[in-house]
Amino acid sequence: MLQSDGELFGARLRELREQRGESQRSLADLTGSTHAYISQMERGLKVPTLTMIIRLAVALECEVADLVAVFAGRDLRKLISKRK
């Protein structure tokens, strides 16, 4: 089954969070967010803003590109056409 854009990002976020040994709650604290919002992003239910992506990168001590690398090689026009 194909994953949605949010699910792809969420899976990557979870992977990076777990590699750093952070819980959803600790990541929420580090980003000034809530546990619920982190959980919703990881499940693909919420799509983060650019500001949140930057906060996540800082908290996870990674590059923004590490978070969005899951979209490399994908036709980005298809991603934005869904939102029209």
PDB file of N, CA and C in Angstrom:
ATOM      1  N   MET A   1       0.846  -1.180   0.000  1.00  0.00           N
ATOM      2  CA  MET A   1       0.000   0.000   0.000  1.00  0.00           C
ATOM      3  C   MET A   1       0.893   1.245   0.000  1.00  0.00           C
ATOM      4  N   LEU A   2       0.519   2.236  -0.795  1.00  0.00           N
ATOM      5  CA  LEU A   2       1.271   3.480  -0.857  1.00  0.00           C
ATOM      6  C   LEU A   2       1.057   4.301   0.393  1.00  0.00           C
ATOM      7  N   GLN A   3       2.133   4.886   0.873  1.00  0.00           N
ATOM      8  CA  GLN A   3       2.042   5.759   2.032  1.00  0.00           C
ATOM      9  C   GLN A   3       1.749   7.176   1.562  1.00  0.00           C
ATOM     10  N   SER A   4       0.991   7.905   2.345  1.00  0.00           N
ATOM     11  CA  SER A   4       0.750   9.310   2.040  1.00  0.00           C
ATOM     12  C   SER A   4       2.023  10.101   2.313  1.00  0.00           C
ATOM     13  N   ASP A   5       2.050  11.332   1.851  1.00  0.00           N
ATOM     14  CA  ASP A   5       3.202  12.202   2.085  1.00  0.00           C
ATOM     15  C   ASP A   5       3.446  12.365   3.587  1.00  0.00           C
ATOM     16  N   GLY A   6       2.373  12.565   4.328  1.00  0.00           N
ATOM     17  CA  GLY A   6       2.484  12.725   5.776  1.00  0.00           C
ATOM     18  C   GLY A   6       3.019  11.474   6.445  1.00  0.00           C
ATOM     19  N   GLU A   7       2.579  10.315   5.975  1.00  0.00           N
ATOM     20  CA  GLU A   7       3.058   9.058   6.547  1.00  0.00           C
ATOM     21  C   GLU A   7       4.539   8.841   6.249  1.00  0.00           C
ATOM     22  N   LEU A   8       4.983   9.216   5.047  1.00  0.00           N
ATOM     23  CA  LEU A   8       6.398   9.100   4.708  1.00  0.00           C
ATOM     24  C   LEU A   8       7.242   9.980   5.622  1.00  0.00           C
ATOM     25  N   PHE A   9       6.813  11.236   5.786  1.00  0.00           N
ATOM     26  CA  PHE A   9       7.542  12.146   6.660  1.00  0.00           C
ATOM     27  C   PHE A   9       7.512  11.631   8.098  1.00  0.00           C
ATOM     28  N   GLY A  10       6.346  11.187   8.538  1.00  0.00           N
ATOM     29  CA  GLY A  10       6.197  10.703   9.912  1.00  0.00           C
ATOM     30  C   GLY A  10       7.089   9.518  10.223  1.00  0.00           C
ATOM     31  N   ALA A  11       7.202   8.606   9.272  1.00  0.00           N
ATOM     32  CA  ALA A  11       8.067   7.442   9.472  1.00  0.00           C
ATOM     33  C   ALA A  11       9.525   7.874   9.594  1.00  0.00           C
ATOM     34  N   ARG A  12       9.919   8.852   8.786  1.00  0.00           N
ATOM     35  CA  ARG A  12      11.289   9.363   8.856  1.00  0.00           C
ATOM     36  C   ARG A  12      11.529  10.080  10.178  1.00  0.00           C
ATOM     37  N   LEU A  13      10.565  10.875  10.600  1.00  0.00           N
ATOM     38  CA  LEU A  13      10.671  11.571  11.882  1.00  0.00           C
ATOM     39  C   LEU A  13      10.837  10.569  13.018  1.00  0.00           C
ATOM     40  N   ARG A  14      10.010   9.538  13.031  1.00  0.00           N
ATOM     41  CA  ARG A  14      10.101   8.504  14.075  1.00  0.00           C
ATOM     42  C   ARG A  14      11.474   7.831  14.056  1.00  0.00           C
ATOM     43  N   GLU A  15      11.960   7.512  12.860  1.00  0.00           N
ATOM     44  CA  GLU A  15      13.265   6.864  12.724  1.00  0.00           C
ATOM     45  C   GLU A  15      14.374   7.737  13.320  1.00  0.00           C
ATOM     46  N   LEU A  16      14.392   9.016  12.964  1.00  0.00           N
ATOM     47  CA  LEU A  16      15.420   9.916  13.488  1.00  0.00           C
ATOM     48  C   LEU A  16      15.276  10.112  14.995  1.00  0.00           C
ATOM     49  N   ARG A  17      14.040  10.228  15.474  1.00  0.00           N
ATOM     50  CA  ARG A  17      13.804  10.406  16.916  1.00  0.00           C
ATOM     51  C   ARG A  17      14.326   9.199  17.686  1.00  0.00           C
ATOM     52  N   GLU A  18      14.008   8.011  17.205  1.00  0.00           N
ATOM     53  CA  GLU A  18      14.445   6.797  17.887  1.00  0.00           C
ATOM     54  C   GLU A  18      15.964   6.636  17.836  1.00  0.00           C
ATOM     55  N   GLN A  19      16.586   7.020  16.707  1.00  0.00           N
ATOM     56  CA  GLN A  19      18.046   6.962  16.607  1.00  0.00           C
ATOM     57  C   GLN A  19      18.708   7.853  17.655  1.00  0.00           C
ATOM     58  N   ARG A  20      18.077   8.959  17.980  1.00  0.00           N
ATOM     59  CA  ARG A  20      18.607   9.896  18.977  1.00  0.00           C
ATOM     60  C   ARG A  20      18.239   9.473  20.395  1.00  0.00           C
ATOM     61  N   GLY A  21      17.391   8.466  20.533  1.00  0.00           N
ATOM     62  CA  GLY A  21      16.996   8.003  21.854  1.00  0.00           C
ATOM     63  C   GLY A  21      16.008   8.930  22.549  1.00  0.00           C
ATOM     64  N   GLU A  22      15.280   9.702  21.765  1.00  0.00           N
ATOM     65  CA  GLU A  22      14.291  10.625  22.327  1.00  0.00           C
ATOM     66  C   GLU A  22      12.904   9.974  22.341  1.00  0.00           C
ATOM     67  N   SER A  23      12.145  10.301  23.357  1.00  0.00           N
ATOM     68  CA  SER A  23      10.742   9.894  23.382  1.00  0.00           C
ATOM     69  C   SER A  23       9.934  10.977  22.666  1.00  0.00           C
ATOM     70  N   GLN A  24       8.694  10.680  22.375  1.00  0.00           N
ATOM     71  CA  GLN A  24       7.832  11.710  21.782  1.00  0.00           C
ATOM     72  C   GLN A  24       7.690  12.890  22.735  1.00  0.00           C
ATOM     73  N   ARG A  25       7.581  12.610  24.012  1.00  0.00           N
ATOM     74  CA  ARG A  25       7.445  13.684  25.004  1.00  0.00           C
ATOM     75  C   ARG A  25       8.695  14.555  25.080  1.00  0.00           C
ATOM     76  N   SER A  26       9.871  13.929  25.071  1.00  0.00           N
ATOM     77  CA  SER A  26      11.096  14.729  25.143  1.00  0.00           C
ATOM     78  C   SER A  26      11.279  15.550  23.871  1.00  0.00           C
ATOM     79  N   LEU A  27      10.916  14.991  22.724  1.00  0.00           N
ATOM     80  CA  LEU A  27      11.005  15.749  21.482  1.00  0.00           C
ATOM     81  C   LEU A  27      10.021  16.921  21.496  1.00  0.00           C
ATOM     82  N   ALA A  28       8.857  16.694  22.036  1.00  0.00           N
ATOM     83  CA  ALA A  28       7.879  17.778  22.168  1.00  0.00           C
ATOM     84  C   ALA A  28       8.443  18.903  23.025  1.00  0.00           C
ATOM     85  N   ASP A  29       9.067  18.555  24.125  1.00  0.00           N
ATOM     86  CA  ASP A  29       9.681  19.564  25.000  1.00  0.00           C
ATOM     87  C   ASP A  29      10.774  20.336  24.265  1.00  0.00           C
ATOM     88  N   LEU A  30      11.599  19.629  23.520  1.00  0.00           N
ATOM     89  CA  LEU A  30      12.705  20.258  22.803  1.00  0.00           C
ATOM     90  C   LEU A  30      12.234  21.188  21.687  1.00  0.00           C
ATOM     91  N   THR A  31      11.070  20.914  21.135  1.00  0.00           N
ATOM     92  CA  THR A  31      10.561  21.716  20.014  1.00  0.00           C
ATOM     93  C   THR A  31       9.508  22.733  20.440  1.00  0.00           C
ATOM     94  N   GLY A  32       9.134  22.727  21.712  1.00  0.00           N
ATOM     95  CA  GLY A  32       8.090  23.638  22.161  1.00  0.00           C
ATOM     96  C   GLY A  32       6.722  23.226  21.655  1.00  0.00           C
ATOM     97  N   SER A  33       6.560  21.944  21.439  1.00  0.00           N
ATOM     98  CA  SER A  33       5.314  21.391  20.908  1.00  0.00           C
ATOM     99  C   SER A  33       4.636  20.550  21.980  1.00  0.00           C
ATOM    100  N   THR A  34       3.711  19.720  21.551  1.00  0.00           N
ATOM    101  CA  THR A  34       3.048  18.806  22.476  1.00  0.00           C
ATOM    102  C   THR A  34       3.298  17.361  22.049  1.00  0.00           C
ATOM    103  N   HIS A  35       3.177  16.479  23.011  1.00  0.00           N
ATOM    104  CA  HIS A  35       3.306  15.050  22.732  1.00  0.00           C
ATOM    105  C   HIS A  35       2.288  14.638  21.670  1.00  0.00           C
ATOM    106  N   ALA A  36       1.082  15.141  21.782  1.00  0.00           N
ATOM    107  CA  ALA A  36       0.022  14.783  20.834  1.00  0.00           C
ATOM    108  C   ALA A  36       0.396  15.191  19.409  1.00  0.00           C
ATOM    109  N   TYR A  37       0.973  16.383  19.254  1.00  0.00           N
ATOM    110  CA  TYR A  37       1.337  16.858  17.919  1.00  0.00           C
ATOM    111  C   TYR A  37       2.460  16.010  17.320  1.00  0.00           C
ATOM    112  N   ILE A  38       3.459  15.663  18.121  1.00  0.00           N
ATOM    113  CA  ILE A  38       4.542  14.789  17.643  1.00  0.00           C
ATOM    114  C   ILE A  38       3.950  13.449  17.209  1.00  0.00           C
ATOM    115  N   SER A  39       3.078  12.898  18.009  1.00  0.00           N
ATOM    116  CA  SER A  39       2.431  11.629  17.685  1.00  0.00           C
ATOM    117  C   SER A  39       1.644  11.729  16.384  1.00  0.00           C
ATOM    118  N   GLN A  40       0.909  12.810  16.215  1.00  0.00           N
ATOM    119  CA  GLN A  40       0.112  12.990  14.996  1.00  0.00           C
ATOM    120  C   GLN A  40       1.005  13.145  13.767  1.00  0.00           C
ATOM    121  N   MET A  41       2.129  13.835  13.906  1.00  0.00           N
ATOM    122  CA  MET A  41       3.062  13.940  12.779  1.00  0.00           C
ATOM    123  C   MET A  41       3.624  12.574  12.422  1.00  0.00           C
ATOM    124  N   GLU A  42       4.007  11.802  13.421  1.00  0.00           N
ATOM    125  CA  GLU A  42       4.590  10.487  13.161  1.00  0.00           C
ATOM    126  C   GLU A  42       3.587   9.536  12.511  1.00  0.00           C
ATOM    127  N   ARG A  43       2.332   9.733  12.772  1.00  0.00           N
ATOM    128  CA  ARG A  43       1.302   8.885  12.164  1.00  0.00           C
ATOM    129  C   ARG A  43       0.802   9.437  10.835  1.00  0.00           C
ATOM    130  N   GLY A  44       1.350  10.580  10.424  1.00  0.00           N
ATOM    131  CA  GLY A  44       0.959  11.152   9.144  1.00  0.00           C
ATOM    132  C   GLY A  44      -0.338  11.922   9.179  1.00  0.00           C
ATOM    133  N   LEU A  45      -0.837  12.225  10.375  1.00  0.00           N
ATOM    134  CA  LEU A  45      -2.105  12.932  10.504  1.00  0.00           C
ATOM    135  C   LEU A  45      -1.937  14.442  10.444  1.00  0.00           C
ATOM    136  N   LYS A  46      -0.749  14.920  10.793  1.00  0.00           N
ATOM    137  CA  LYS A  46      -0.432  16.350  10.749  1.00  0.00           C
ATOM    138  C   LYS A  46       0.833  16.536   9.932  1.00  0.00           C
ATOM    139  N   VAL A  47       0.853  17.601   9.157  1.00  0.00           N
ATOM    140  CA  VAL A  47       2.023  17.946   8.352  1.00  0.00           C
ATOM    141  C   VAL A  47       2.647  19.192   8.984  1.00  0.00           C
ATOM    142  N   PRO A  48       3.934  19.129   9.309  1.00  0.00           N
ATOM    143  CA  PRO A  48       4.563  20.249  10.008  1.00  0.00           C
ATOM    144  C   PRO A  48       4.798  21.459   9.102  1.00  0.00           C
ATOM    145  N   THR A  49       4.848  22.617   9.728  1.00  0.00           N
ATOM    146  CA  THR A  49       5.222  23.840   9.027  1.00  0.00           C
ATOM    147  C   THR A  49       6.735  23.837   8.833  1.00  0.00           C
ATOM    148  N   LEU A  50       7.214  24.754   8.029  1.00  0.00           N
ATOM    149  CA  LEU A  50       8.657  24.880   7.848  1.00  0.00           C
ATOM    150  C   LEU A  50       9.338  25.202   9.176  1.00  0.00           C
ATOM    151  N   THR A  51       8.718  26.075   9.956  1.00  0.00           N
ATOM    152  CA  THR A  51       9.280  26.413  11.271  1.00  0.00           C
ATOM    153  C   THR A  51       9.409  25.169  12.138  1.00  0.00           C
ATOM    154  N   MET A  52       8.405  24.314  12.136  1.00  0.00           N
ATOM    155  CA  MET A  52       8.466  23.087  12.941  1.00  0.00           C
ATOM    156  C   MET A  52       9.525  22.136  12.396  1.00  0.00           C
ATOM    157  N   ILE A  53       9.673  22.064  11.095  1.00  0.00           N
ATOM    158  CA  ILE A  53      10.710  21.201  10.527  1.00  0.00           C
ATOM    159  C   ILE A  53      12.082  21.675  10.993  1.00  0.00           C
ATOM    160  N   ILE A  54      12.287  22.980  11.024  1.00  0.00           N
ATOM    161  CA  ILE A  54      13.561  23.524  11.505  1.00  0.00           C
ATOM    162  C   ILE A  54      13.739  23.205  12.988  1.00  0.00           C
ATOM    163  N   ARG A  55      12.694  23.366  13.781  1.00  0.00           N
ATOM    164  CA  ARG A  55      12.773  23.027  15.213  1.00  0.00           C
ATOM    165  C   ARG A  55      13.096  21.548  15.415  1.00  0.00           C
ATOM    166  N   LEU A  56      12.487  20.692  14.605  1.00  0.00           N
ATOM    167  CA  LEU A  56      12.756  19.256  14.698  1.00  0.00           C
ATOM    168  C   LEU A  56      14.219  18.960  14.360  1.00  0.00           C
ATOM    169  N   ALA A  57      14.729  19.602  13.315  1.00  0.00           N
ATOM    170  CA  ALA A  57      16.122  19.386  12.917  1.00  0.00           C
ATOM    171  C   ALA A  57      17.079  19.814  14.032  1.00  0.00           C
ATOM    172  N   VAL A  58      16.805  20.954  14.649  1.00  0.00           N
ATOM    173  CA  VAL A  58      17.653  21.421  15.747  1.00  0.00           C
ATOM    174  C   VAL A  58      17.572  20.441  16.917  1.00  0.00           C
ATOM    175  N   ALA A  59      16.369  20.041  17.276  1.00  0.00           N
ATOM    176  CA  ALA A  59      16.178  19.135  18.414  1.00  0.00           C
ATOM    177  C   ALA A  59      16.822  17.774  18.171  1.00  0.00           C
ATOM    178  N   LEU A  60      16.764  17.302  16.936  1.00  0.00           N
ATOM    179  CA  LEU A  60      17.306  15.988  16.610  1.00  0.00           C
ATOM    180  C   LEU A  60      18.765  16.058  16.154  1.00  0.00           C
ATOM    181  N   GLU A  61      19.322  17.285  16.177  1.00  0.00           N
ATOM    182  CA  GLU A  61      20.706  17.503  15.782  1.00  0.00           C
ATOM    183  C   GLU A  61      20.995  16.900  14.410  1.00  0.00           C
ATOM    184  N   CYS A  62      20.132  17.249  13.455  1.00  0.00           N
ATOM    185  CA  CYS A  62      20.299  16.776  12.090  1.00  0.00           C
ATOM    186  C   CYS A  62      20.056  17.945  11.138  1.00  0.00           C
ATOM    187  N   GLU A  63      20.265  17.709   9.896  1.00  0.00           N
ATOM    188  CA  GLU A  63      19.988  18.711   8.869  1.00  0.00           C
ATOM    189  C   GLU A  63      18.517  18.616   8.464  1.00  0.00           C
ATOM    190  N   VAL A  64      17.965  19.739   8.036  1.00  0.00           N
ATOM    191  CA  VAL A  64      16.596  19.726   7.512  1.00  0.00           C
ATOM    192  C   VAL A  64      16.495  18.697   6.388  1.00  0.00           C
ATOM    193  N   ALA A  65      17.531  18.624   5.573  1.00  0.00           N
ATOM    194  CA  ALA A  65      17.542  17.661   4.460  1.00  0.00           C
ATOM    195  C   ALA A  65      17.383  16.226   4.942  1.00  0.00           C
ATOM    196  N   ASP A  66      17.886  15.921   6.144  1.00  0.00           N
ATOM    197  CA  ASP A  66      17.734  14.569   6.690  1.00  0.00           C
ATOM    198  C   ASP A  66      16.265  14.238   6.940  1.00  0.00           C
ATOM    199  N   LEU A  67      15.501  15.238   7.324  1.00  0.00           N
ATOM    200  CA  LEU A  67      14.077  15.025   7.593  1.00  0.00           C
ATOM    201  C   LEU A  67      13.262  14.863   6.318  1.00  0.00           C
ATOM    202  N   VAL A  68      13.651  15.577   5.282  1.00  0.00           N
ATOM    203  CA  VAL A  68      12.834  15.561   4.056  1.00  0.00           C
ATOM    204  C   VAL A  68      13.430  14.689   2.961  1.00  0.00           C
ATOM    205  N   ALA A  69      14.504  13.974   3.277  1.00  0.00           N
ATOM    206  CA  ALA A  69      15.151  13.115   2.287  1.00  0.00           C
ATOM    207  C   ALA A  69      14.209  12.049   1.729  1.00  0.00           C
ATOM    208  N   VAL A  70      13.157  11.726   2.458  1.00  0.00           N
ATOM    209  CA  VAL A  70      12.210  10.711   1.987  1.00  0.00           C
ATOM    210  C   VAL A  70      11.509  11.141   0.698  1.00  0.00           C
ATOM    211  N   PHE A  71      11.572  12.441   0.390  1.00  0.00           N
ATOM    212  CA  PHE A  71      10.924  12.942  -0.820  1.00  0.00           C
ATOM    213  C   PHE A  71      11.881  13.040  -2.002  1.00  0.00           C
ATOM    214  N   ALA A  72      13.157  12.739  -1.799  1.00  0.00           N
ATOM    215  CA  ALA A  72      14.139  12.780  -2.878  1.00  0.00           C
ATOM    216  C   ALA A  72      13.751  11.757  -3.944  1.00  0.00           C
ATOM    217  N   GLY A  73      13.831  12.192  -5.173  1.00  0.00           N
ATOM    218  CA  GLY A  73      13.507  11.292  -6.276  1.00  0.00           C
ATOM    219  C   GLY A  73      12.026  11.184  -6.585  1.00  0.00           C
ATOM    220  N   ARG A  74      11.204  11.820  -5.785  1.00  0.00           N
ATOM    221  CA  ARG A  74       9.761  11.795  -6.050  1.00  0.00           C
ATOM    222  C   ARG A  74       9.382  12.992  -6.903  1.00  0.00           C
ATOM    223  N   ASP A  75       8.338  12.861  -7.650  1.00  0.00           N
ATOM    224  CA  ASP A  75       7.849  13.973  -8.463  1.00  0.00           C
ATOM    225  C   ASP A  75       7.142  14.945  -7.534  1.00  0.00           C
ATOM    226  N   LEU A  76       7.811  16.024  -7.188  1.00  0.00           N
ATOM    227  CA  LEU A  76       7.267  16.980  -6.222  1.00  0.00           C
ATOM    228  C   LEU A  76       6.026  17.682  -6.753  1.00  0.00           C
ATOM    229  N   ARG A  77       5.889  17.771  -8.073  1.00  0.00           N
ATOM    230  CA  ARG A  77       4.671  18.376  -8.637  1.00  0.00           C
ATOM    231  C   ARG A  77       3.433  17.594  -8.223  1.00  0.00           C
ATOM    232  N   LYS A  78       3.569  16.285  -8.113  1.00  0.00           N
ATOM    233  CA  LYS A  78       2.436  15.461  -7.686  1.00  0.00           C
ATOM    234  C   LYS A  78       2.068  15.733  -6.231  1.00  0.00           C
ATOM    235  N   LEU A  79       3.075  16.036  -5.411  1.00  0.00           N
ATOM    236  CA  LEU A  79       2.807  16.322  -4.003  1.00  0.00           C
ATOM    237  C   LEU A  79       1.987  17.588  -3.847  1.00  0.00           C
ATOM    238  N   ILE A  80       2.313  18.628  -4.600  1.00  0.00           N
ATOM    239  CA  ILE A  80       1.596  19.892  -4.449  1.00  0.00           C
ATOM    240  C   ILE A  80       0.278  19.907  -5.203  1.00  0.00           C
ATOM    241  N   SER A  81       0.147  19.104  -6.240  1.00  0.00           N
ATOM    242  CA  SER A  81      -1.110  19.100  -6.993  1.00  0.00           C
ATOM    243  C   SER A  81      -2.248  18.515  -6.178  1.00  0.00           C
ATOM    244  N   LYS A  82      -1.937  17.679  -5.204  1.00  0.00           N
ATOM    245  CA  LYS A  82      -2.964  17.083  -4.345  1.00  0.00           C
ATOM    246  C   LYS A  82      -3.625  18.138  -3.457  1.00  0.00           C
ATOM    247  N   ARG A  83      -2.927  19.222  -3.199  1.00  0.00           N
ATOM    248  CA  ARG A  83      -3.406  20.210  -2.249  1.00  0.00           C
ATOM    249  C   ARG A  83      -4.252  21.303  -2.896  1.00  0.00           C
ATOM    250  N   LYS A  84      -4.401  21.267  -4.203  1.00  0.00           N
ATOM    251  CA  LYS A  84      -5.174  22.320  -4.891  1.00  0.00           C
ATOM    252  C   LYS A  84      -6.656  22.141  -4.696  1.00  0.00           C
TER     253      LYS A  84
END
